[in-house]
Amino acid sequence: MTRFRFQVPVLALLVVLAACGDSRLKKLSVGIDRDSVATIMKTDAPTRSETYLVGGKLWEVMLYEQKAPEGTDTVSARELSPVVLADGAVAGWGWDYWDRQAGDLKVTVPPKE
């Protein structure tokens, strides 16, 4: 019985966290090109982008806006959805992926708020 009481709050938390993310990211897959990302994200240009050349590999982080918070005109980097390309192909997406990859590459990312 104790185990069941623990599982319900954890499951509810996972559902809430999943609902908060950018649903377009679920349609991405590793290896697709920039044009396919533009089609999935429904825009030709990301809100912001960053490019890094590390170890002979070109990394591009395209940051897409979900929507601006109510009452503001600006969006912090952490409110954007990152899609990471390595040599022109999607390597991963989301802040969990980019935080880990950036750490390995020794690239500075915006701090978690």
PDB file of N, CA and C in Angstrom:
ATOM      1  N   MET A   1       0.814  -1.192   0.000  1.00  0.00           N
ATOM      2  CA  MET A   1       0.000   0.000   0.000  1.00  0.00           C
ATOM      3  C   MET A   1       0.862   1.263   0.000  1.00  0.00           C
ATOM      4  N   THR A   2       1.951   1.274   0.744  1.00  0.00           N
ATOM      5  CA  THR A   2       2.839   2.437   0.785  1.00  0.00           C
ATOM      6  C   THR A   2       3.445   2.685  -0.591  1.00  0.00           C
ATOM      7  N   ARG A   3       3.792   1.609  -1.261  1.00  0.00           N
ATOM      8  CA  ARG A   3       4.383   1.734  -2.585  1.00  0.00           C
ATOM      9  C   ARG A   3       3.427   2.432  -3.556  1.00  0.00           C
ATOM     10  N   PHE A   4       2.153   2.124  -3.502  1.00  0.00           N
ATOM     11  CA  PHE A   4       1.157   2.738  -4.368  1.00  0.00           C
ATOM     12  C   PHE A   4       1.052   4.244  -4.105  1.00  0.00           C
ATOM     13  N   ARG A   5       1.047   4.647  -2.844  1.00  0.00           N
ATOM     14  CA  ARG A   5       0.951   6.077  -2.509  1.00  0.00           C
ATOM     15  C   ARG A   5       2.151   6.850  -3.048  1.00  0.00           C
ATOM     16  N   PHE A   6       3.301   6.220  -3.108  1.00  0.00           N
ATOM     17  CA  PHE A   6       4.495   6.876  -3.644  1.00  0.00           C
ATOM     18  C   PHE A   6       4.408   6.997  -5.164  1.00  0.00           C
ATOM     19  N   GLN A   7       3.875   5.991  -5.833  1.00  0.00           N
ATOM     20  CA  GLN A   7       3.837   5.972  -7.293  1.00  0.00           C
ATOM     21  C   GLN A   7       2.900   7.024  -7.877  1.00  0.00           C
ATOM     22  N   VAL A   8       1.787   7.282  -7.245  1.00  0.00           N
ATOM     23  CA  VAL A   8       0.817   8.239  -7.777  1.00  0.00           C
ATOM     24  C   VAL A   8       1.405   9.649  -7.869  1.00  0.00           C
ATOM     25  N   PRO A   9       2.032  10.207  -6.816  1.00  0.00           N
ATOM     26  CA  PRO A   9       2.611  11.550  -6.949  1.00  0.00           C
ATOM     27  C   PRO A   9       3.741  11.601  -7.986  1.00  0.00           C
ATOM     28  N   VAL A  10       4.542  10.572  -8.068  1.00  0.00           N
ATOM     29  CA  VAL A  10       5.633  10.548  -9.044  1.00  0.00           C
ATOM     30  C   VAL A  10       5.061  10.550 -10.454  1.00  0.00           C
ATOM     31  N   LEU A  11       4.056   9.738 -10.702  1.00  0.00           N
ATOM     32  CA  LEU A  11       3.416   9.689 -12.012  1.00  0.00           C
ATOM     33  C   LEU A  11       2.793  11.034 -12.357  1.00  0.00           C
ATOM     34  N   ALA A  12       2.128  11.656 -11.413  1.00  0.00           N
ATOM     35  CA  ALA A  12       1.514  12.968 -11.647  1.00  0.00           C
ATOM     36  C   ALA A  12       2.577  14.006 -11.990  1.00  0.00           C
ATOM     37  N   LEU A  13       3.702  13.981 -11.298  1.00  0.00           N
ATOM     38  CA  LEU A  13       4.784  14.908 -11.568  1.00  0.00           C
ATOM     39  C   LEU A  13       5.328  14.710 -12.980  1.00  0.00           C
ATOM     40  N   LEU A  14       5.512  13.472 -13.396  1.00  0.00           N
ATOM     41  CA  LEU A  14       6.011  13.195 -14.743  1.00  0.00           C
ATOM     42  C   LEU A  14       5.058  13.702 -15.820  1.00  0.00           C
ATOM     43  N   VAL A  15       3.777  13.550 -15.601  1.00  0.00           N
ATOM     44  CA  VAL A  15       2.786  14.042 -16.561  1.00  0.00           C
ATOM     45  C   VAL A  15       2.851  15.555 -16.663  1.00  0.00           C
ATOM     46  N   VAL A  16       2.958  16.235 -15.516  1.00  0.00           N
ATOM     47  CA  VAL A  16       3.046  17.700 -15.518  1.00  0.00           C
ATOM     48  C   VAL A  16       4.313  18.162 -16.220  1.00  0.00           C
ATOM     49  N   LEU A  17       5.438  17.536 -15.946  1.00  0.00           N
ATOM     50  CA  LEU A  17       6.699  17.924 -16.583  1.00  0.00           C
ATOM     51  C   LEU A  17       6.650  17.697 -18.082  1.00  0.00           C
ATOM     52  N   ALA A  18       6.072  16.619 -18.521  1.00  0.00           N
ATOM     53  CA  ALA A  18       5.963  16.336 -19.950  1.00  0.00           C
ATOM     54  C   ALA A  18       5.094  17.372 -20.642  1.00  0.00           C
ATOM     55  N   ALA A  19       4.056  17.831 -19.982  1.00  0.00           N
ATOM     56  CA  ALA A  19       3.148  18.814 -20.576  1.00  0.00           C
ATOM     57  C   ALA A  19       3.805  20.178 -20.722  1.00  0.00           C
ATOM     58  N   CYS A  20       4.819  20.480 -19.903  1.00  0.00           N
ATOM     59  CA  CYS A  20       5.467  21.791 -19.928  1.00  0.00           C
ATOM     60  C   CYS A  20       6.413  21.965 -21.107  1.00  0.00           C
ATOM     61  N   GLY A  21       6.900  20.894 -21.695  1.00  0.00           N
ATOM     62  CA  GLY A  21       7.897  20.983 -22.741  1.00  0.00           C
ATOM     63  C   GLY A  21       7.319  21.382 -24.088  1.00  0.00           C
ATOM     64  N   ASP A  22       8.204  21.638 -25.030  1.00  0.00           N
ATOM     65  CA  ASP A  22       7.837  21.986 -26.389  1.00  0.00           C
ATOM     66  C   ASP A  22       7.469  20.700 -27.119  1.00  0.00           C
ATOM     67  N   SER A  23       6.214  20.532 -27.473  1.00  0.00           N
ATOM     68  CA  SER A  23       5.740  19.282 -28.083  1.00  0.00           C
ATOM     69  C   SER A  23       6.384  19.007 -29.435  1.00  0.00           C
ATOM     70  N   ARG A  24       6.894  20.035 -30.104  1.00  0.00           N
ATOM     71  CA  ARG A  24       7.553  19.830 -31.399  1.00  0.00           C
ATOM     72  C   ARG A  24       8.812  18.990 -31.254  1.00  0.00           C
ATOM     73  N   LEU A  25       9.472  19.065 -30.089  1.00  0.00           N
ATOM     74  CA  LEU A  25      10.711  18.321 -29.886  1.00  0.00           C
ATOM     75  C   LEU A  25      10.498  16.818 -29.982  1.00  0.00           C
ATOM     76  N   LYS A  26       9.307  16.349 -29.644  1.00  0.00           N
ATOM     77  CA  LYS A  26       9.011  14.922 -29.692  1.00  0.00           C
ATOM     78  C   LYS A  26       9.022  14.387 -31.122  1.00  0.00           C
ATOM     79  N   LYS A  27       8.915  15.267 -32.097  1.00  0.00           N
ATOM     80  CA  LYS A  27       8.886  14.863 -33.504  1.00  0.00           C
ATOM     81  C   LYS A  27      10.280  14.807 -34.125  1.00  0.00           C
ATOM     82  N   LEU A  28      11.286  15.282 -33.404  1.00  0.00           N
ATOM     83  CA  LEU A  28      12.661  15.272 -33.910  1.00  0.00           C
ATOM     84  C   LEU A  28      13.262  13.878 -33.810  1.00  0.00           C
ATOM     85  N   SER A  29      14.275  13.633 -34.614  1.00  0.00           N
ATOM     86  CA  SER A  29      15.039  12.396 -34.471  1.00  0.00           C
ATOM     87  C   SER A  29      16.499  12.680 -34.792  1.00  0.00           C
ATOM     88  N   VAL A  30      17.368  11.955 -34.155  1.00  0.00           N
ATOM     89  CA  VAL A  30      18.804  12.130 -34.345  1.00  0.00           C
ATOM     90  C   VAL A  30      19.148  11.837 -35.805  1.00  0.00           C
ATOM     91  N   GLY A  31      19.989  12.722 -36.367  1.00  0.00           N
ATOM     92  CA  GLY A  31      20.477  12.520 -37.728  1.00  0.00           C
ATOM     93  C   GLY A  31      19.761  13.315 -38.795  1.00  0.00           C
ATOM     94  N   ILE A  32      18.584  13.892 -38.480  1.00  0.00           N
ATOM     95  CA  ILE A  32      17.894  14.668 -39.508  1.00  0.00           C
ATOM     96  C   ILE A  32      18.631  15.981 -39.752  1.00  0.00           C
ATOM     97  N   ASP A  33      18.402  16.586 -40.926  1.00  0.00           N
ATOM     98  CA  ASP A  33      19.130  17.802 -41.283  1.00  0.00           C
ATOM     99  C   ASP A  33      18.373  19.065 -40.859  1.00  0.00           C
ATOM    100  N   ARG A  34      19.016  20.206 -41.089  1.00  0.00           N
ATOM    101  CA  ARG A  34      18.491  21.512 -40.694  1.00  0.00           C
ATOM    102  C   ARG A  34      17.136  21.800 -41.353  1.00  0.00           C
ATOM    103  N   ASP A  35      16.967  21.440 -42.632  1.00  0.00           N
ATOM    104  CA  ASP A  35      15.696  21.689 -43.312  1.00  0.00           C
ATOM    105  C   ASP A  35      14.557  20.909 -42.666  1.00  0.00           C
ATOM    106  N   SER A  36      14.825  19.688 -42.255  1.00  0.00           N
ATOM    107  CA  SER A  36      13.800  18.884 -41.578  1.00  0.00           C
ATOM    108  C   SER A  36      13.445  19.491 -40.222  1.00  0.00           C
ATOM    109  N   VAL A  37      14.449  20.028 -39.536  1.00  0.00           N
ATOM    110  CA  VAL A  37      14.191  20.698 -38.248  1.00  0.00           C
ATOM    111  C   VAL A  37      13.285  21.898 -38.483  1.00  0.00           C
ATOM    112  N   ALA A  38      13.565  22.686 -39.529  1.00  0.00           N
ATOM    113  CA  ALA A  38      12.746  23.865 -39.832  1.00  0.00           C
ATOM    114  C   ALA A  38      11.297  23.465 -40.100  1.00  0.00           C
ATOM    115  N   THR A  39      11.096  22.369 -40.804  1.00  0.00           N
ATOM    116  CA  THR A  39       9.742  21.889 -41.090  1.00  0.00           C
ATOM    117  C   THR A  39       9.032  21.483 -39.802  1.00  0.00           C
ATOM    118  N   ILE A  40       9.715  20.733 -38.951  1.00  0.00           N
ATOM    119  CA  ILE A  40       9.112  20.269 -37.694  1.00  0.00           C
ATOM    120  C   ILE A  40       8.836  21.432 -36.754  1.00  0.00           C
ATOM    121  N   MET A  41       9.779  22.368 -36.662  1.00  0.00           N
ATOM    122  CA  MET A  41       9.626  23.493 -35.743  1.00  0.00           C
ATOM    123  C   MET A  41       8.735  24.593 -36.330  1.00  0.00           C
ATOM    124  N   LYS A  42       8.343  24.436 -37.605  1.00  0.00           N
ATOM    125  CA  LYS A  42       7.426  25.351 -38.297  1.00  0.00           C
ATOM    126  C   LYS A  42       7.958  26.773 -38.408  1.00  0.00           C
ATOM    127  N   THR A  43       9.259  26.888 -38.620  1.00  0.00           N
ATOM    128  CA  THR A  43       9.887  28.185 -38.842  1.00  0.00           C
ATOM    129  C   THR A  43      11.236  27.962 -39.525  1.00  0.00           C
ATOM    130  N   ASP A  44      11.596  28.889 -40.411  1.00  0.00           N
ATOM    131  CA  ASP A  44      12.876  28.775 -41.108  1.00  0.00           C
ATOM    132  C   ASP A  44      14.057  29.196 -40.248  1.00  0.00           C
ATOM    133  N   ALA A  45      13.785  30.025 -39.242  1.00  0.00           N
ATOM    134  CA  ALA A  45      14.889  30.546 -38.431  1.00  0.00           C
ATOM    135  C   ALA A  45      14.578  30.395 -36.943  1.00  0.00           C
ATOM    136  N   PRO A  46      15.562  29.922 -36.174  1.00  0.00           N
ATOM    137  CA  PRO A  46      15.375  29.855 -34.725  1.00  0.00           C
ATOM    138  C   PRO A  46      15.352  31.260 -34.129  1.00  0.00           C
ATOM    139  N   THR A  47      14.877  31.363 -32.907  1.00  0.00           N
ATOM    140  CA  THR A  47      14.861  32.641 -32.203  1.00  0.00           C
ATOM    141  C   THR A  47      16.286  33.139 -31.992  1.00  0.00           C
ATOM    142  N   ARG A  48      17.167  32.237 -31.622  1.00  0.00           N
ATOM    143  CA  ARG A  48      18.596  32.520 -31.428  1.00  0.00           C
ATOM    144  C   ARG A  48      19.378  31.294 -31.887  1.00  0.00           C
ATOM    145  N   SER A  49      20.645  31.500 -32.201  1.00  0.00           N
ATOM    146  CA  SER A  49      21.505  30.352 -32.473  1.00  0.00           C
ATOM    147  C   SER A  49      22.926  30.665 -32.025  1.00  0.00           C
ATOM    148  N   GLU A  50      23.647  29.615 -31.702  1.00  0.00           N
ATOM    149  CA  GLU A  50      25.036  29.720 -31.257  1.00  0.00           C
ATOM    150  C   GLU A  50      25.828  28.664 -32.015  1.00  0.00           C
ATOM    151  N   THR A  51      27.043  29.004 -32.400  1.00  0.00           N
ATOM    152  CA  THR A  51      27.878  28.070 -33.152  1.00  0.00           C
ATOM    153  C   THR A  51      29.220  27.918 -32.446  1.00  0.00           C
ATOM    154  N   TYR A  52      29.703  26.674 -32.378  1.00  0.00           N
ATOM    155  CA  TYR A  52      30.981  26.372 -31.729  1.00  0.00           C
ATOM    156  C   TYR A  52      31.758  25.404 -32.610  1.00  0.00           C
ATOM    157  N   LEU A  53      33.054  25.640 -32.753  1.00  0.00           N
ATOM    158  CA  LEU A  53      33.929  24.702 -33.437  1.00  0.00           C
ATOM    159  C   LEU A  53      34.807  24.076 -32.359  1.00  0.00           C
ATOM    160  N   VAL A  54      34.569  22.800 -32.074  1.00  0.00           N
ATOM    161  CA  VAL A  54      35.287  22.108 -31.007  1.00  0.00           C
ATOM    162  C   VAL A  54      35.795  20.780 -31.546  1.00  0.00           C
ATOM    163  N   GLY A  55      37.103  20.590 -31.451  1.00  0.00           N
ATOM    164  CA  GLY A  55      37.694  19.321 -31.876  1.00  0.00           C
ATOM    165  C   GLY A  55      37.445  18.993 -33.345  1.00  0.00           C
ATOM    166  N   GLY A  56      37.392  20.023 -34.194  1.00  0.00           N
ATOM    167  CA  GLY A  56      37.176  19.804 -35.616  1.00  0.00           C
ATOM    168  C   GLY A  56      35.731  19.524 -35.987  1.00  0.00           C
ATOM    169  N   LYS A  57      34.822  19.617 -35.032  1.00  0.00           N
ATOM    170  CA  LYS A  57      33.398  19.389 -35.295  1.00  0.00           C
ATOM    171  C   LYS A  57      32.650  20.691 -35.078  1.00  0.00           C
ATOM    172  N   LEU A  58      31.751  21.014 -36.018  1.00  0.00           N
ATOM    173  CA  LEU A  58      30.951  22.222 -35.911  1.00  0.00           C
ATOM    174  C   LEU A  58      29.652  21.906 -35.184  1.00  0.00           C
ATOM    175  N   TRP A  59      29.453  22.559 -34.044  1.00  0.00           N
ATOM    176  CA  TRP A  59      28.248  22.401 -33.228  1.00  0.00           C
ATOM    177  C   TRP A  59      27.408  23.650 -33.385  1.00  0.00           C
ATOM    178  N   GLU A  60      26.133  23.466 -33.665  1.00  0.00           N
ATOM    179  CA  GLU A  60      25.214  24.596 -33.729  1.00  0.00           C
ATOM    180  C   GLU A  60      24.044  24.313 -32.798  1.00  0.00           C
ATOM    181  N   VAL A  61      23.747  25.292 -31.958  1.00  0.00           N
ATOM    182  CA  VAL A  61      22.619  25.183 -31.041  1.00  0.00           C
ATOM    183  C   VAL A  61      21.578  26.176 -31.516  1.00  0.00           C
ATOM    184  N   MET A  62      20.454  25.645 -31.972  1.00  0.00           N
ATOM    185  CA  MET A  62      19.355  26.489 -32.430  1.00  0.00           C
ATOM    186  C   MET A  62      18.318  26.533 -31.304  1.00  0.00           C
ATOM    187  N   LEU A  63      18.010  27.738 -30.858  1.00  0.00           N
ATOM    188  CA  LEU A  63      17.084  27.926 -29.734  1.00  0.00           C
ATOM    189  C   LEU A  63      15.753  28.446 -30.261  1.00  0.00           C
ATOM    190  N   TYR A  64      14.708  27.661 -30.041  1.00  0.00           N
ATOM    191  CA  TYR A  64      13.382  27.988 -30.551  1.00  0.00           C
ATOM    192  C   TYR A  64      12.462  28.447 -29.434  1.00  0.00           C
ATOM    193  N   GLU A  65      11.686  29.480 -29.737  1.00  0.00           N
ATOM    194  CA  GLU A  65      10.745  30.020 -28.767  1.00  0.00           C
ATOM    195  C   GLU A  65       9.484  29.168 -28.718  1.00  0.00           C
ATOM    196  N   GLN A  66       9.057  28.836 -27.492  1.00  0.00           N
ATOM    197  CA  GLN A  66       7.774  28.167 -27.317  1.00  0.00           C
ATOM    198  C   GLN A  66       6.696  29.232 -27.355  1.00  0.00           C
ATOM    199  N   LYS A  67       6.745  30.162 -26.436  1.00  0.00           N
ATOM    200  CA  LYS A  67       5.914  31.360 -26.426  1.00  0.00           C
ATOM    201  C   LYS A  67       6.440  32.268 -25.325  1.00  0.00           C
ATOM    202  N   ALA A  68       6.305  33.559 -25.545  1.00  0.00           N
ATOM    203  CA  ALA A  68       6.798  34.525 -24.560  1.00  0.00           C
ATOM    204  C   ALA A  68       5.933  34.464 -23.309  1.00  0.00           C
ATOM    205  N   PRO A  69       6.558  34.540 -22.126  1.00  0.00           N
ATOM    206  CA  PRO A  69       5.781  34.567 -20.887  1.00  0.00           C
ATOM    207  C   PRO A  69       4.838  35.768 -20.901  1.00  0.00           C
ATOM    208  N   GLU A  70       3.685  35.598 -20.295  1.00  0.00           N
ATOM    209  CA  GLU A  70       2.683  36.651 -20.264  1.00  0.00           C
ATOM    210  C   GLU A  70       3.248  37.951 -19.702  1.00  0.00           C
ATOM    211  N   GLY A  71       2.963  39.057 -20.392  1.00  0.00           N
ATOM    212  CA  GLY A  71       3.365  40.372 -19.912  1.00  0.00           C
ATOM    213  C   GLY A  71       4.813  40.730 -20.201  1.00  0.00           C
ATOM    214  N   THR A  72       5.521  39.923 -21.019  1.00  0.00           N
ATOM    215  CA  THR A  72       6.910  40.255 -21.332  1.00  0.00           C
ATOM    216  C   THR A  72       7.136  40.228 -22.839  1.00  0.00           C
ATOM    217  N   ASP A  73       8.118  40.982 -23.273  1.00  0.00           N
ATOM    218  CA  ASP A  73       8.507  40.981 -24.683  1.00  0.00           C
ATOM    219  C   ASP A  73       9.776  40.174 -24.893  1.00  0.00           C
ATOM    220  N   THR A  74      10.480  39.880 -23.812  1.00  0.00           N
ATOM    221  CA  THR A  74      11.746  39.171 -23.925  1.00  0.00           C
ATOM    222  C   THR A  74      11.625  37.769 -23.323  1.00  0.00           C
ATOM    223  N   VAL A  75      12.476  36.902 -23.804  1.00  0.00           N
ATOM    224  CA  VAL A  75      12.493  35.518 -23.354  1.00  0.00           C
ATOM    225  C   VAL A  75      13.934  35.170 -23.012  1.00  0.00           C
ATOM    226  N   SER A  76      14.151  34.585 -21.845  1.00  0.00           N
ATOM    227  CA  SER A  76      15.504  34.176 -21.478  1.00  0.00           C
ATOM    228  C   SER A  76      15.880  32.924 -22.263  1.00  0.00           C
ATOM    229  N   ALA A  77      17.145  32.663 -22.378  1.00  0.00           N
ATOM    230  CA  ALA A  77      17.621  31.498 -23.132  1.00  0.00           C
ATOM    231  C   ALA A  77      17.028  30.205 -22.590  1.00  0.00           C
ATOM    232  N   ARG A  78      16.881  30.080 -21.288  1.00  0.00           N
ATOM    233  CA  ARG A  78      16.355  28.858 -20.675  1.00  0.00           C
ATOM    234  C   ARG A  78      14.876  28.641 -20.953  1.00  0.00           C
ATOM    235  N   GLU A  79      14.189  29.679 -21.440  1.00  0.00           N
ATOM    236  CA  GLU A  79      12.784  29.529 -21.809  1.00  0.00           C
ATOM    237  C   GLU A  79      12.634  29.088 -23.264  1.00  0.00           C
ATOM    238  N   LEU A  80      13.767  28.958 -23.964  1.00  0.00           N
ATOM    239  CA  LEU A  80      13.777  28.507 -25.347  1.00  0.00           C
ATOM    240  C   LEU A  80      14.069  27.014 -25.403  1.00  0.00           C
ATOM    241  N   SER A  81      13.737  26.403 -26.528  1.00  0.00           N
ATOM    242  CA  SER A  81      13.958  24.966 -26.712  1.00  0.00           C
ATOM    243  C   SER A  81      15.192  24.757 -27.591  1.00  0.00           C
ATOM    244  N   PRO A  82      16.287  24.182 -27.049  1.00  0.00           N
ATOM    245  CA  PRO A  82      17.484  23.981 -27.860  1.00  0.00           C
ATOM    246  C   PRO A  82      17.416  22.718 -28.721  1.00  0.00           C
ATOM    247  N   VAL A  83      17.848  22.875 -29.970  1.00  0.00           N
ATOM    248  CA  VAL A  83      18.045  21.742 -30.882  1.00  0.00           C
ATOM    249  C   VAL A  83      19.512  21.813 -31.270  1.00  0.00           C
ATOM    250  N   VAL A  84      20.255  20.734 -31.034  1.00  0.00           N
ATOM    251  CA  VAL A  84      21.703  20.734 -31.207  1.00  0.00           C
ATOM    252  C   VAL A  84      22.082  19.938 -32.446  1.00  0.00           C
ATOM    253  N   LEU A  85      22.828  20.595 -33.352  1.00  0.00           N
ATOM    254  CA  LEU A  85      23.317  19.942 -34.556  1.00  0.00           C
ATOM    255  C   LEU A  85      24.826  19.783 -34.460  1.00  0.00           C
ATOM    256  N   ALA A  86      25.318  18.651 -34.905  1.00  0.00           N
ATOM    257  CA  ALA A  86      26.760  18.405 -34.997  1.00  0.00           C
ATOM    258  C   ALA A  86      27.057  18.129 -36.462  1.00  0.00           C
ATOM    259  N   ASP A  87      27.880  18.992 -37.058  1.00  0.00           N
ATOM    260  CA  ASP A  87      28.205  18.894 -38.478  1.00  0.00           C
ATOM    261  C   ASP A  87      26.954  18.805 -39.348  1.00  0.00           C
ATOM    262  N   GLY A  88      25.932  19.613 -39.005  1.00  0.00           N
ATOM    263  CA  GLY A  88      24.747  19.745 -39.840  1.00  0.00           C
ATOM    264  C   GLY A  88      23.625  18.759 -39.595  1.00  0.00           C
ATOM    265  N   ALA A  89      23.806  17.816 -38.682  1.00  0.00           N
ATOM    266  CA  ALA A  89      22.764  16.829 -38.388  1.00  0.00           C
ATOM    267  C   ALA A  89      22.388  16.900 -36.913  1.00  0.00           C
ATOM    268  N   VAL A  90      21.118  16.670 -36.620  1.00  0.00           N
ATOM    269  CA  VAL A  90      20.653  16.726 -35.231  1.00  0.00           C
ATOM    270  C   VAL A  90      21.372  15.670 -34.397  1.00  0.00           C
ATOM    271  N   ALA A  91      21.966  16.138 -33.297  1.00  0.00           N
ATOM    272  CA  ALA A  91      22.650  15.242 -32.361  1.00  0.00           C
ATOM    273  C   ALA A  91      21.793  15.029 -31.113  1.00  0.00           C
ATOM    274  N   GLY A  92      20.914  15.992 -30.804  1.00  0.00           N
ATOM    275  CA  GLY A  92      20.058  15.895 -29.629  1.00  0.00           C
ATOM    276  C   GLY A  92      19.296  17.184 -29.447  1.00  0.00           C
ATOM    277  N   TRP A  93      18.447  17.238 -28.420  1.00  0.00           N
ATOM    278  CA  TRP A  93      17.634  18.417 -28.168  1.00  0.00           C
ATOM    279  C   TRP A  93      17.245  18.471 -26.699  1.00  0.00           C
ATOM    280  N   GLY A  94      16.799  19.648 -26.291  1.00  0.00           N
ATOM    281  CA  GLY A  94      16.391  19.857 -24.903  1.00  0.00           C
ATOM    282  C   GLY A  94      17.561  20.276 -24.032  1.00  0.00           C
ATOM    283  N   TRP A  95      17.230  20.905 -22.914  1.00  0.00           N
ATOM    284  CA  TRP A  95      18.283  21.409 -22.016  1.00  0.00           C
ATOM    285  C   TRP A  95      19.051  20.291 -21.329  1.00  0.00           C
ATOM    286  N   ASP A  96      18.423  19.192 -21.023  1.00  0.00           N
ATOM    287  CA  ASP A  96      19.166  18.086 -20.404  1.00  0.00           C
ATOM    288  C   ASP A  96      20.284  17.623 -21.331  1.00  0.00           C
ATOM    289  N   TYR A  97      19.949  17.449 -22.607  1.00  0.00           N
ATOM    290  CA  TYR A  97      20.965  17.023 -23.577  1.00  0.00           C
ATOM    291  C   TYR A  97      22.043  18.091 -23.727  1.00  0.00           C
ATOM    292  N   TRP A  98      21.648  19.347 -23.958  1.00  0.00           N
ATOM    293  CA  TRP A  98      22.633  20.391 -24.223  1.00  0.00           C
ATOM    294  C   TRP A  98      23.498  20.674 -23.002  1.00  0.00           C
ATOM    295  N   ASP A  99      22.946  20.628 -21.802  1.00  0.00           N
ATOM    296  CA  ASP A  99      23.756  20.820 -20.597  1.00  0.00           C
ATOM    297  C   ASP A  99      24.861  19.761 -20.511  1.00  0.00           C
ATOM    298  N   ARG A 100      24.503  18.492 -20.754  1.00  0.00           N
ATOM    299  CA  ARG A 100      25.514  17.411 -20.702  1.00  0.00           C
ATOM    300  C   ARG A 100      26.557  17.575 -21.807  1.00  0.00           C
ATOM    301  N   GLN A 101      26.101  17.820 -23.026  1.00  0.00           N
ATOM    302  CA  GLN A 101      27.015  17.944 -24.156  1.00  0.00           C
ATOM    303  C   GLN A 101      27.927  19.151 -23.999  1.00  0.00           C
ATOM    304  N   ALA A 102      27.361  20.276 -23.580  1.00  0.00           N
ATOM    305  CA  ALA A 102      28.156  21.487 -23.387  1.00  0.00           C
ATOM    306  C   ALA A 102      29.220  21.270 -22.325  1.00  0.00           C
ATOM    307  N   GLY A 103      28.890  20.523 -21.279  1.00  0.00           N
ATOM    308  CA  GLY A 103      29.876  20.195 -20.246  1.00  0.00           C
ATOM    309  C   GLY A 103      31.032  19.395 -20.820  1.00  0.00           C
ATOM    310  N   ASP A 104      30.716  18.412 -21.649  1.00  0.00           N
ATOM    311  CA  ASP A 104      31.767  17.613 -22.292  1.00  0.00           C
ATOM    312  C   ASP A 104      32.629  18.460 -23.222  1.00  0.00           C
ATOM    313  N   LEU A 105      31.996  19.423 -23.906  1.00  0.00           N
ATOM    314  CA  LEU A 105      32.705  20.287 -24.861  1.00  0.00           C
ATOM    315  C   LEU A 105      33.373  21.476 -24.187  1.00  0.00           C
ATOM    316  N   LYS A 106      33.082  21.660 -22.899  1.00  0.00           N
ATOM    317  CA  LYS A 106      33.587  22.805 -22.138  1.00  0.00           C
ATOM    318  C   LYS A 106      33.087  24.132 -22.721  1.00  0.00           C
ATOM    319  N   VAL A 107      31.787  24.159 -23.051  1.00  0.00           N
ATOM    320  CA  VAL A 107      31.104  25.333 -23.583  1.00  0.00           C
ATOM    321  C   VAL A 107      30.199  25.881 -22.480  1.00  0.00           C
ATOM    322  N   THR A 108      30.192  27.186 -22.289  1.00  0.00           N
ATOM    323  CA  THR A 108      29.367  27.808 -21.262  1.00  0.00           C
ATOM    324  C   THR A 108      27.930  27.924 -21.760  1.00  0.00           C
ATOM    325  N   VAL A 109      26.997  27.515 -20.930  1.00  0.00           N
ATOM    326  CA  VAL A 109      25.563  27.641 -21.240  1.00  0.00           C
ATOM    327  C   VAL A 109      24.906  28.551 -20.210  1.00  0.00           C
ATOM    328  N   PRO A 110      23.742  29.104 -20.547  1.00  0.00           N
ATOM    329  CA  PRO A 110      23.048  29.944 -19.561  1.00  0.00           C
ATOM    330  C   PRO A 110      22.738  29.130 -18.301  1.00  0.00           C
ATOM    331  N   PRO A 111      22.882  29.748 -17.137  1.00  0.00           N
ATOM    332  CA  PRO A 111      22.614  29.013 -15.890  1.00  0.00           C
ATOM    333  C   PRO A 111      21.138  28.691 -15.719  1.00  0.00           C
ATOM    334  N   LYS A 112      20.877  27.618 -14.976  1.00  0.00           N
ATOM    335  CA  LYS A 112      19.496  27.276 -14.633  1.00  0.00           C
ATOM    336  C   LYS A 112      18.996  28.313 -13.653  1.00  0.00           C
ATOM    337  N   GLU A 113      17.755  28.698 -13.816  1.00  0.00           N
ATOM    338  CA  GLU A 113      17.203  29.744 -12.939  1.00  0.00           C
ATOM    339  C   GLU A 113      16.525  29.156 -11.753  1.00  0.00           C
TER     340      GLU A 113
END
